[in-house]
PDB file of N, CA and C in Angstrom:
ATOM      1  N   MET A   1     -27.510 -38.828  44.078  1.00  0.00           N
ATOM      2  CA  MET A   1     -26.618 -39.021  45.878  1.00  0.00           C
ATOM      3  C   MET A   1     -25.070 -39.458  45.609  1.00  0.00           C
ATOM      4  N   ALA A   2     -24.734 -39.175  46.250  1.00  0.00           N
ATOM      5  CA  ALA A   2     -23.365 -39.330  45.918  1.00  0.00           C
ATOM      6  C   ALA A   2     -22.976 -41.149  46.320  1.00  0.00           C
ATOM      7  N   SER A   3     -21.920 -41.759  45.451  1.00  0.00           N
ATOM      8  CA  SER A   3     -22.095 -43.489  45.418  1.00  0.00           C
ATOM      9  C   SER A   3     -20.418 -43.581  46.039  1.00  0.00           C
ATOM     10  N   GLY A   4     -19.518 -42.355  46.318  1.00  0.00           N
ATOM     11  CA  GLY A   4     -17.815 -42.417  46.547  1.00  0.00           C
ATOM     12  C   GLY A   4     -17.963 -42.584  47.885  1.00  0.00           C
ATOM     13  N   CYS A   5     -16.591 -42.837  48.441  1.00  0.00           N
ATOM     14  CA  CYS A   5     -16.171 -42.578  49.843  1.00  0.00           C
ATOM     15  C   CYS A   5     -15.781 -40.719  49.964  1.00  0.00           C
ATOM     16  N   PHE A   6     -16.166 -40.446  49.266  1.00  0.00           N
ATOM     17  CA  PHE A   6     -15.718 -38.536  49.151  1.00  0.00           C
ATOM     18  C   PHE A   6     -16.383 -38.100  48.285  1.00  0.00           C
ATOM     19  N   GLU A   7     -16.856 -36.752  47.707  1.00  0.00           N
ATOM     20  CA  GLU A   7     -17.636 -36.128  47.075  1.00  0.00           C
ATOM     21  C   GLU A   7     -16.629 -34.736  47.099  1.00  0.00           C
ATOM     22  N   LEU A   8     -17.203 -33.769  46.213  1.00  0.00           N
ATOM     23  CA  LEU A   8     -16.062 -32.565  45.841  1.00  0.00           C
ATOM     24  C   LEU A   8     -16.958 -31.779  46.620  1.00  0.00           C
ATOM     25  N   VAL A   9     -16.346 -30.823  47.247  1.00  0.00           N
ATOM     26  CA  VAL A   9     -17.019 -29.822  48.028  1.00  0.00           C
ATOM     27  C   VAL A   9     -17.575 -28.251  47.625  1.00  0.00           C
ATOM     28  N   PRO A  10     -18.536 -28.426  47.858  1.00  0.00           N
ATOM     29  CA  PRO A  10     -19.698 -27.705  46.797  1.00  0.00           C
ATOM     30  C   PRO A  10     -18.878 -26.480  46.664  1.00  0.00           C
ATOM     31  N   GLY A  11     -18.772 -26.069  45.298  1.00  0.00           N
ATOM     32  CA  GLY A  11     -17.712 -25.071  44.375  1.00  0.00           C
ATOM     33  C   GLY A  11     -16.334 -25.387  44.390  1.00  0.00           C
ATOM     34  N   VAL A  12     -16.636 -26.369  44.004  1.00  0.00           N
ATOM     35  CA  VAL A  12     -15.073 -27.332  43.468  1.00  0.00           C
ATOM     36  C   VAL A  12     -15.929 -27.849  42.323  1.00  0.00           C
ATOM     37  N   VAL A  13     -15.268 -27.432  40.973  1.00  0.00           N
ATOM     38  CA  VAL A  13     -15.850 -28.499  40.066  1.00  0.00           C
ATOM     39  C   VAL A  13     -14.340 -28.801  38.826  1.00  0.00           C
ATOM     40  N   TRP A  14     -14.605 -30.021  38.184  1.00  0.00           N
ATOM     41  CA  TRP A  14     -13.124 -30.740  37.684  1.00  0.00           C
ATOM     42  C   TRP A  14     -13.460 -31.422  36.231  1.00  0.00           C
ATOM     43  N   GLN A  15     -12.570 -31.120  35.506  1.00  0.00           N
ATOM     44  CA  GLN A  15     -12.462 -31.443  34.384  1.00  0.00           C
ATOM     45  C   GLN A  15     -11.261 -32.418  33.924  1.00  0.00           C
ATOM     46  N   SER A  16     -11.639 -33.809  32.993  1.00  0.00           N
ATOM     47  CA  SER A  16     -10.457 -34.537  33.263  1.00  0.00           C
ATOM     48  C   SER A  16     -10.398 -33.889  31.003  1.00  0.00           C
ATOM     49  N   VAL A  17      -8.410 -33.931  31.341  1.00  0.00           N
ATOM     50  CA  VAL A  17      -7.859 -33.796  30.603  1.00  0.00           C
ATOM     51  C   VAL A  17      -7.260 -34.363  29.449  1.00  0.00           C
ATOM     52  N   ASP A  18      -6.359 -34.385  28.416  1.00  0.00           N
ATOM     53  CA  ASP A  18      -5.592 -35.519  27.724  1.00  0.00           C
ATOM     54  C   ASP A  18      -4.494 -35.928  28.993  1.00  0.00           C
ATOM     55  N   ASP A  19      -4.011 -35.161  29.832  1.00  0.00           N
ATOM     56  CA  ASP A  19      -2.733 -35.987  30.575  1.00  0.00           C
ATOM     57  C   ASP A  19      -3.134 -35.608  32.233  1.00  0.00           C
ATOM     58  N   GLY A  20      -3.849 -35.532  32.509  1.00  0.00           N
ATOM     59  CA  GLY A  20      -4.946 -35.889  34.127  1.00  0.00           C
ATOM     60  C   GLY A  20      -6.460 -35.476  34.584  1.00  0.00           C
ATOM     61  N   VAL A  21      -6.358 -34.534  35.564  1.00  0.00           N
ATOM     62  CA  VAL A  21      -7.585 -34.119  35.479  1.00  0.00           C
ATOM     63  C   VAL A  21      -7.442 -32.372  36.585  1.00  0.00           C
ATOM     64  N   MET A  22      -8.008 -31.491  35.700  1.00  0.00           N
ATOM     65  CA  MET A  22      -8.244 -29.988  36.463  1.00  0.00           C
ATOM     66  C   MET A  22      -9.150 -30.367  37.448  1.00  0.00           C
ATOM     67  N   LEU A  23      -9.196 -29.482  38.555  1.00  0.00           N
ATOM     68  CA  LEU A  23      -9.547 -28.953  39.806  1.00  0.00           C
ATOM     69  C   LEU A  23     -10.160 -27.237  39.842  1.00  0.00           C
ATOM     70  N   LEU A  24     -11.116 -26.852  39.746  1.00  0.00           N
ATOM     71  CA  LEU A  24     -10.854 -25.785  40.115  1.00  0.00           C
ATOM     72  C   LEU A  24     -11.593 -25.291  41.379  1.00  0.00           C
ATOM     73  N   ASP A  25     -10.940 -24.416  42.191  1.00  0.00           N
ATOM     74  CA  ASP A  25     -11.989 -23.550  43.802  1.00  0.00           C
ATOM     75  C   ASP A  25     -12.454 -22.449  42.669  1.00  0.00           C
ATOM     76  N   VAL A  26     -13.637 -22.438  42.570  1.00  0.00           N
ATOM     77  CA  VAL A  26     -14.551 -21.215  42.225  1.00  0.00           C
ATOM     78  C   VAL A  26     -14.248 -20.466  42.934  1.00  0.00           C
ATOM     79  N   ALA A  27     -14.764 -20.249  44.244  1.00  0.00           N
ATOM     80  CA  ALA A  27     -14.516 -19.605  45.221  1.00  0.00           C
ATOM     81  C   ALA A  27     -12.935 -18.756  45.693  1.00  0.00           C
ATOM     82  N   LYS A  28     -12.519 -19.414  45.697  1.00  0.00           N
ATOM     83  CA  LYS A  28     -10.276 -19.026  45.616  1.00  0.00           C
ATOM     84  C   LYS A  28     -10.076 -18.739  44.437  1.00  0.00           C
ATOM     85  N   GLY A  29     -10.525 -19.129  43.397  1.00  0.00           N
ATOM     86  CA  GLY A  29     -10.282 -18.808  42.083  1.00  0.00           C
ATOM     87  C   GLY A  29      -8.819 -19.413  41.777  1.00  0.00           C
ATOM     88  N   GLN A  30      -8.825 -20.959  42.138  1.00  0.00           N
ATOM     89  CA  GLN A  30      -7.418 -21.588  42.115  1.00  0.00           C
ATOM     90  C   GLN A  30      -7.761 -22.972  41.524  1.00  0.00           C
ATOM     91  N   TYR A  31      -6.544 -23.004  40.251  1.00  0.00           N
ATOM     92  CA  TYR A  31      -6.512 -24.236  40.200  1.00  0.00           C
ATOM     93  C   TYR A  31      -5.288 -25.132  40.578  1.00  0.00           C
ATOM     94  N   TYR A  32      -5.774 -26.790  40.784  1.00  0.00           N
ATOM     95  CA  TYR A  32      -5.003 -27.833  41.181  1.00  0.00           C
ATOM     96  C   TYR A  32      -4.918 -28.973  39.555  1.00  0.00           C
ATOM     97  N   GLU A  33      -4.275 -29.576  39.360  1.00  0.00           N
ATOM     98  CA  GLU A  33      -3.451 -30.448  38.625  1.00  0.00           C
ATOM     99  C   GLU A  33      -3.150 -31.312  39.291  1.00  0.00           C
ATOM    100  N   LEU A  34      -4.053 -33.030  37.886  1.00  0.00           N
ATOM    101  CA  LEU A  34      -3.805 -34.348  38.749  1.00  0.00           C
ATOM    102  C   LEU A  34      -3.158 -34.709  37.889  1.00  0.00           C
ATOM    103  N   ASN A  35      -1.826 -35.314  37.587  1.00  0.00           N
ATOM    104  CA  ASN A  35      -1.396 -36.127  36.692  1.00  0.00           C
ATOM    105  C   ASN A  35      -2.206 -37.442  36.055  1.00  0.00           C
ATOM    106  N   PRO A  36      -1.694 -38.271  35.181  1.00  0.00           N
ATOM    107  CA  PRO A  36      -2.661 -39.098  34.815  1.00  0.00           C
ATOM    108  C   PRO A  36      -3.277 -40.191  36.264  1.00  0.00           C
ATOM    109  N   SER A  37      -1.708 -40.701  36.987  1.00  0.00           N
ATOM    110  CA  SER A  37      -2.225 -41.402  37.977  1.00  0.00           C
ATOM    111  C   SER A  37      -3.216 -41.021  39.124  1.00  0.00           C
ATOM    112  N   GLY A  38      -2.994 -39.598  39.618  1.00  0.00           N
ATOM    113  CA  GLY A  38      -3.238 -38.953  40.398  1.00  0.00           C
ATOM    114  C   GLY A  38      -5.199 -38.508  40.388  1.00  0.00           C
ATOM    115  N   ALA A  39      -5.295 -38.712  38.974  1.00  0.00           N
ATOM    116  CA  ALA A  39      -6.767 -38.802  38.464  1.00  0.00           C
ATOM    117  C   ALA A  39      -7.163 -39.810  38.635  1.00  0.00           C
ATOM    118  N   ARG A  40      -6.983 -40.784  38.297  1.00  0.00           N
ATOM    119  CA  ARG A  40      -7.475 -42.172  38.084  1.00  0.00           C
ATOM    120  C   ARG A  40      -7.619 -42.477  39.797  1.00  0.00           C
ATOM    121  N   MET A  41      -7.300 -41.976  40.703  1.00  0.00           N
ATOM    122  CA  MET A  41      -7.591 -42.307  42.126  1.00  0.00           C
ATOM    123  C   MET A  41      -8.368 -41.737  42.589  1.00  0.00           C
ATOM    124  N   PHE A  42      -8.538 -40.365  41.678  1.00  0.00           N
ATOM    125  CA  PHE A  42      -9.365 -38.870  42.378  1.00  0.00           C
ATOM    126  C   PHE A  42     -10.745 -39.416  41.807  1.00  0.00           C
ATOM    127  N   GLU A  43     -10.845 -40.222  40.391  1.00  0.00           N
ATOM    128  CA  GLU A  43     -12.255 -40.533  39.811  1.00  0.00           C
ATOM    129  C   GLU A  43     -12.880 -41.811  40.614  1.00  0.00           C
ATOM    130  N   LEU A  44     -11.576 -42.663  41.336  1.00  0.00           N
ATOM    131  CA  LEU A  44     -12.260 -43.815  41.726  1.00  0.00           C
ATOM    132  C   LEU A  44     -12.925 -43.536  43.207  1.00  0.00           C
ATOM    133  N   VAL A  45     -12.338 -42.207  43.898  1.00  0.00           N
ATOM    134  CA  VAL A  45     -12.457 -41.879  45.046  1.00  0.00           C
ATOM    135  C   VAL A  45     -13.774 -41.406  45.494  1.00  0.00           C
ATOM    136  N   LEU A  46     -13.992 -40.540  44.336  1.00  0.00           N
ATOM    137  CA  LEU A  46     -15.428 -40.333  43.840  1.00  0.00           C
ATOM    138  C   LEU A  46     -16.407 -41.079  43.763  1.00  0.00           C
ATOM    139  N   ASN A  47     -16.000 -42.316  43.239  1.00  0.00           N
ATOM    140  CA  ASN A  47     -17.273 -43.436  42.791  1.00  0.00           C
ATOM    141  C   ASN A  47     -17.241 -44.763  43.405  1.00  0.00           C
ATOM    142  N   GLN A  48     -15.918 -45.172  43.953  1.00  0.00           N
ATOM    143  CA  GLN A  48     -16.065 -46.214  45.035  1.00  0.00           C
ATOM    144  C   GLN A  48     -16.540 -45.928  46.557  1.00  0.00           C
ATOM    145  N   PRO A  49     -17.543 -47.255  47.175  1.00  0.00           N
ATOM    146  CA  PRO A  49     -17.835 -46.629  47.968  1.00  0.00           C
ATOM    147  C   PRO A  49     -17.106 -47.127  49.158  1.00  0.00           C
ATOM    148  N   SER A  50     -15.851 -47.289  48.860  1.00  0.00           N
ATOM    149  CA  SER A  50     -14.757 -47.100  50.170  1.00  0.00           C
ATOM    150  C   SER A  50     -13.441 -47.072  49.975  1.00  0.00           C
ATOM    151  N   LEU A  51     -12.523 -47.249  50.559  1.00  0.00           N
ATOM    152  CA  LEU A  51     -10.853 -46.545  49.960  1.00  0.00           C
ATOM    153  C   LEU A  51     -10.550 -48.161  49.961  1.00  0.00           C
ATOM    154  N   ASP A  52     -11.261 -49.709  50.672  1.00  0.00           N
ATOM    155  CA  ASP A  52     -10.908 -50.651  50.274  1.00  0.00           C
ATOM    156  C   ASP A  52     -10.985 -50.945  48.716  1.00  0.00           C
ATOM    157  N   ASN A  53     -12.183 -50.706  48.124  1.00  0.00           N
ATOM    158  CA  ASN A  53     -12.368 -50.932  46.962  1.00  0.00           C
ATOM    159  C   ASN A  53     -11.716 -49.825  45.852  1.00  0.00           C
ATOM    160  N   VAL A  54     -11.356 -49.014  45.947  1.00  0.00           N
ATOM    161  CA  VAL A  54     -10.005 -47.972  45.699  1.00  0.00           C
ATOM    162  C   VAL A  54      -8.935 -48.377  45.455  1.00  0.00           C
ATOM    163  N   GLU A  55      -8.318 -48.879  46.069  1.00  0.00           N
ATOM    164  CA  GLU A  55      -7.134 -49.633  46.724  1.00  0.00           C
ATOM    165  C   GLU A  55      -7.378 -51.042  45.848  1.00  0.00           C
ATOM    166  N   ARG A  56      -8.106 -51.626  45.851  1.00  0.00           N
ATOM    167  CA  ARG A  56      -8.459 -52.737  45.104  1.00  0.00           C
ATOM    168  C   ARG A  56      -8.359 -53.168  43.741  1.00  0.00           C
ATOM    169  N   GLU A  57      -9.090 -51.867  42.922  1.00  0.00           N
ATOM    170  CA  GLU A  57      -9.230 -51.285  41.263  1.00  0.00           C
ATOM    171  C   GLU A  57      -7.788 -50.799  41.105  1.00  0.00           C
ATOM    172  N   LEU A  58      -7.415 -49.816  42.227  1.00  0.00           N
ATOM    173  CA  LEU A  58      -5.712 -49.365  41.384  1.00  0.00           C
ATOM    174  C   LEU A  58      -4.676 -50.719  41.351  1.00  0.00           C
ATOM    175  N   LEU A  59      -4.938 -51.292  42.333  1.00  0.00           N
ATOM    176  CA  LEU A  59      -3.843 -52.750  42.091  1.00  0.00           C
ATOM    177  C   LEU A  59      -4.190 -53.590  40.920  1.00  0.00           C
ATOM    178  N   ALA A  60      -4.861 -53.446  40.690  1.00  0.00           N
ATOM    179  CA  ALA A  60      -5.711 -54.284  39.294  1.00  0.00           C
ATOM    180  C   ALA A  60      -5.112 -53.741  38.030  1.00  0.00           C
ATOM    181  N   GLU A  61      -5.029 -52.241  38.433  1.00  0.00           N
ATOM    182  CA  GLU A  61      -4.710 -51.259  37.091  1.00  0.00           C
ATOM    183  C   GLU A  61      -3.473 -51.090  36.787  1.00  0.00           C
ATOM    184  N   PHE A  62      -3.230 -51.040  37.887  1.00  0.00           N
ATOM    185  CA  PHE A  62      -1.664 -50.374  37.952  1.00  0.00           C
ATOM    186  C   PHE A  62      -0.820 -51.721  37.744  1.00  0.00           C
ATOM    187  N   ARG A  63      -1.340 -53.146  38.217  1.00  0.00           N
ATOM    188  CA  ARG A  63      -0.496 -53.562  38.753  1.00  0.00           C
ATOM    189  C   ARG A  63       1.025 -53.768  39.632  1.00  0.00           C
ATOM    190  N   VAL A  64       0.753 -53.048  40.882  1.00  0.00           N
ATOM    191  CA  VAL A  64       2.274 -52.929  41.332  1.00  0.00           C
ATOM    192  C   VAL A  64       1.909 -53.066  42.483  1.00  0.00           C
ATOM    193  N   GLY A  65       2.331 -53.089  43.882  1.00  0.00           N
ATOM    194  CA  GLY A  65       2.003 -53.617  45.226  1.00  0.00           C
ATOM    195  C   GLY A  65       1.433 -52.668  45.896  1.00  0.00           C
ATOM    196  N   SER A  66       0.440 -53.241  46.997  1.00  0.00           N
ATOM    197  CA  SER A  66      -0.382 -52.099  47.875  1.00  0.00           C
ATOM    198  C   SER A  66       0.705 -51.410  48.612  1.00  0.00           C
ATOM    199  N   GLU A  67       2.133 -51.935  48.937  1.00  0.00           N
ATOM    200  CA  GLU A  67       3.365 -51.030  49.556  1.00  0.00           C
ATOM    201  C   GLU A  67       3.265 -49.604  48.714  1.00  0.00           C
ATOM    202  N   GLN A  68       3.306 -49.670  47.518  1.00  0.00           N
ATOM    203  CA  GLN A  68       3.610 -48.560  46.693  1.00  0.00           C
ATOM    204  C   GLN A  68       1.744 -47.454  46.519  1.00  0.00           C
ATOM    205  N   ILE A  69       0.877 -48.508  46.179  1.00  0.00           N
ATOM    206  CA  ILE A  69      -0.382 -47.798  45.969  1.00  0.00           C
ATOM    207  C   ILE A  69      -0.860 -46.988  47.262  1.00  0.00           C
ATOM    208  N   LYS A  70      -0.792 -47.691  48.203  1.00  0.00           N
ATOM    209  CA  LYS A  70      -1.087 -47.069  49.261  1.00  0.00           C
ATOM    210  C   LYS A  70      -0.867 -45.927  49.763  1.00  0.00           C
ATOM    211  N   PRO A  71       0.643 -45.587  49.800  1.00  0.00           N
ATOM    212  CA  PRO A  71       1.216 -44.325  50.337  1.00  0.00           C
ATOM    213  C   PRO A  71       1.053 -42.874  49.360  1.00  0.00           C
ATOM    214  N   ASP A  72       0.221 -43.213  48.043  1.00  0.00           N
ATOM    215  CA  ASP A  72       0.075 -42.510  47.067  1.00  0.00           C
ATOM    216  C   ASP A  72      -1.336 -42.134  47.075  1.00  0.00           C
ATOM    217  N   LEU A  73      -1.835 -42.958  47.705  1.00  0.00           N
ATOM    218  CA  LEU A  73      -3.477 -42.297  47.432  1.00  0.00           C
ATOM    219  C   LEU A  73      -3.875 -42.066  48.719  1.00  0.00           C
ATOM    220  N   LEU A  74      -3.282 -42.176  50.117  1.00  0.00           N
ATOM    221  CA  LEU A  74      -3.052 -41.276  51.160  1.00  0.00           C
ATOM    222  C   LEU A  74      -2.785 -39.849  51.192  1.00  0.00           C
ATOM    223  N   GLU A  75      -1.410 -39.671  50.725  1.00  0.00           N
ATOM    224  CA  GLU A  75      -0.760 -38.777  50.473  1.00  0.00           C
ATOM    225  C   GLU A  75      -1.549 -37.879  49.274  1.00  0.00           C
ATOM    226  N   LEU A  76      -2.020 -38.269  48.245  1.00  0.00           N
ATOM    227  CA  LEU A  76      -3.234 -38.154  47.237  1.00  0.00           C
ATOM    228  C   LEU A  76      -4.466 -37.085  48.004  1.00  0.00           C
ATOM    229  N   LEU A  77      -5.134 -38.186  48.988  1.00  0.00           N
ATOM    230  CA  LEU A  77      -6.185 -37.634  50.065  1.00  0.00           C
ATOM    231  C   LEU A  77      -5.769 -36.472  50.950  1.00  0.00           C
ATOM    232  N   GLN A  78      -4.970 -36.537  51.407  1.00  0.00           N
ATOM    233  CA  GLN A  78      -4.628 -35.531  52.323  1.00  0.00           C
ATOM    234  C   GLN A  78      -4.319 -34.108  51.747  1.00  0.00           C
ATOM    235  N   THR A  79      -3.859 -34.380  50.519  1.00  0.00           N
ATOM    236  CA  THR A  79      -3.453 -33.003  49.399  1.00  0.00           C
ATOM    237  C   THR A  79      -4.591 -32.495  49.295  1.00  0.00           C
ATOM    238  N   LEU A  80      -5.774 -33.126  48.675  1.00  0.00           N
ATOM    239  CA  LEU A  80      -7.242 -33.114  48.112  1.00  0.00           C
ATOM    240  C   LEU A  80      -7.789 -32.581  49.629  1.00  0.00           C
ATOM    241  N   LEU A  81      -8.254 -33.256  51.208  1.00  0.00           N
ATOM    242  CA  LEU A  81      -8.757 -32.974  51.670  1.00  0.00           C
ATOM    243  C   LEU A  81      -7.976 -31.344  53.022  1.00  0.00           C
ATOM    244  N   GLU A  82      -6.572 -31.490  52.795  1.00  0.00           N
ATOM    245  CA  GLU A  82      -6.431 -29.815  53.144  1.00  0.00           C
ATOM    246  C   GLU A  82      -6.745 -28.427  52.009  1.00  0.00           C
ATOM    247  N   ALA A  83      -6.651 -28.885  51.151  1.00  0.00           N
ATOM    248  CA  ALA A  83      -6.940 -28.055  50.055  1.00  0.00           C
ATOM    249  C   ALA A  83      -8.576 -27.489  49.622  1.00  0.00           C
ATOM    250  N   ASN A  84      -9.302 -28.547  50.774  1.00  0.00           N
ATOM    251  CA  ASN A  84     -10.775 -28.007  50.955  1.00  0.00           C
ATOM    252  C   ASN A  84     -11.534 -28.543  49.616  1.00  0.00           C
ATOM    253  N   LEU A  85     -10.833 -29.769  48.567  1.00  0.00           N
ATOM    254  CA  LEU A  85     -11.332 -29.676  47.433  1.00  0.00           C
ATOM    255  C   LEU A  85     -12.446 -30.964  47.515  1.00  0.00           C
ATOM    256  N   ILE A  86     -12.064 -32.194  48.636  1.00  0.00           N
ATOM    257  CA  ILE A  86     -13.193 -33.023  48.696  1.00  0.00           C
ATOM    258  C   ILE A  86     -13.731 -33.150  50.316  1.00  0.00           C
ATOM    259  N   ARG A  87     -14.213 -34.098  50.469  1.00  0.00           N
ATOM    260  CA  ARG A  87     -14.697 -34.070  51.916  1.00  0.00           C
ATOM    261  C   ARG A  87     -15.349 -35.906  52.003  1.00  0.00           C
ATOM    262  N   PRO A  88     -15.372 -36.429  52.642  1.00  0.00           N
ATOM    263  CA  PRO A  88     -16.221 -37.455  53.436  1.00  0.00           C
ATOM    264  C   PRO A  88     -17.782 -37.860  52.863  1.00  0.00           C
ATOM    265  N   VAL A  89     -17.641 -38.423  52.029  1.00  0.00           N
ATOM    266  CA  VAL A  89     -19.483 -38.330  51.860  1.00  0.00           C
ATOM    267  C   VAL A  89     -19.927 -39.465  53.745  1.00  0.00           C
ATOM    268  N   GLN A  90     -21.155 -38.930  53.892  1.00  0.00           N
ATOM    269  CA  GLN A  90     -21.881 -39.198  55.284  1.00  0.00           C
ATOM    270  C   GLN A  90     -22.694 -40.590  54.496  1.00  0.00           C
ATOM    271  N   SER A  91     -22.662 -41.549  55.431  1.00  0.00           N
ATOM    272  CA  SER A  91     -24.111 -42.275  55.014  1.00  0.00           C
ATOM    273  C   SER A  91     -25.392 -41.535  55.614  1.00  0.00           C
ATOM    274  N   ALA A  92     -26.380 -42.344  55.216  1.00  0.00           N
ATOM    275  CA  ALA A  92     -27.342 -41.857  55.841  1.00  0.00           C
ATOM    276  C   ALA A  92     -27.719 -42.426  56.989  1.00  0.00           C
ATOM    277  N   GLU A  93     -27.316 -42.893  57.580  1.00  0.00           N
ATOM    278  CA  GLU A  93     -26.947 -42.964  58.917  1.00  0.00           C
ATOM    279  C   GLU A  93     -26.555 -41.839  59.756  1.00  0.00           C
ATOM    280  N   SER A  94     -25.605 -41.375  59.107  1.00  0.00           N
ATOM    281  CA  SER A  94     -25.245 -40.699  59.988  1.00  0.00           C
ATOM    282  C   SER A  94     -25.392 -39.125  60.358  1.00  0.00           C
ATOM    283  N   PRO A  95     -25.512 -38.642  61.246  1.00  0.00           N
ATOM    284  CA  PRO A  95     -26.145 -37.143  61.344  1.00  0.00           C
ATOM    285  C   PRO A  95     -25.432 -36.383  60.674  1.00  0.00           C
ATOM    286  N   PRO A  96     -25.622 -35.484  60.292  1.00  0.00           N
ATOM    287  CA  PRO A  96     -25.541 -34.340  59.426  1.00  0.00           C
ATOM    288  C   PRO A  96     -24.273 -33.326  60.401  1.00  0.00           C
TER     289      PRO A  96
END
């Protein structure tokens, strides 16, 4: 069962690497690379139950203001969603 606010789209795999995360869309044969800060954001959205939790964790880890974290997080999410790499997790109460 997914525990984050987003999950990988079926057919997408990822791997941590020394300098970030590599994602592969198997169906398209396309690779995507995230730098270390993007990789941390990615890992948190897969493991935290809400974007508020993700933002709080990032603020604590990176010691920068919300005015810097929030736009970067939203930009990453938009990019990953548009590339069809992640999708929002539906709660048990939500219809499929």
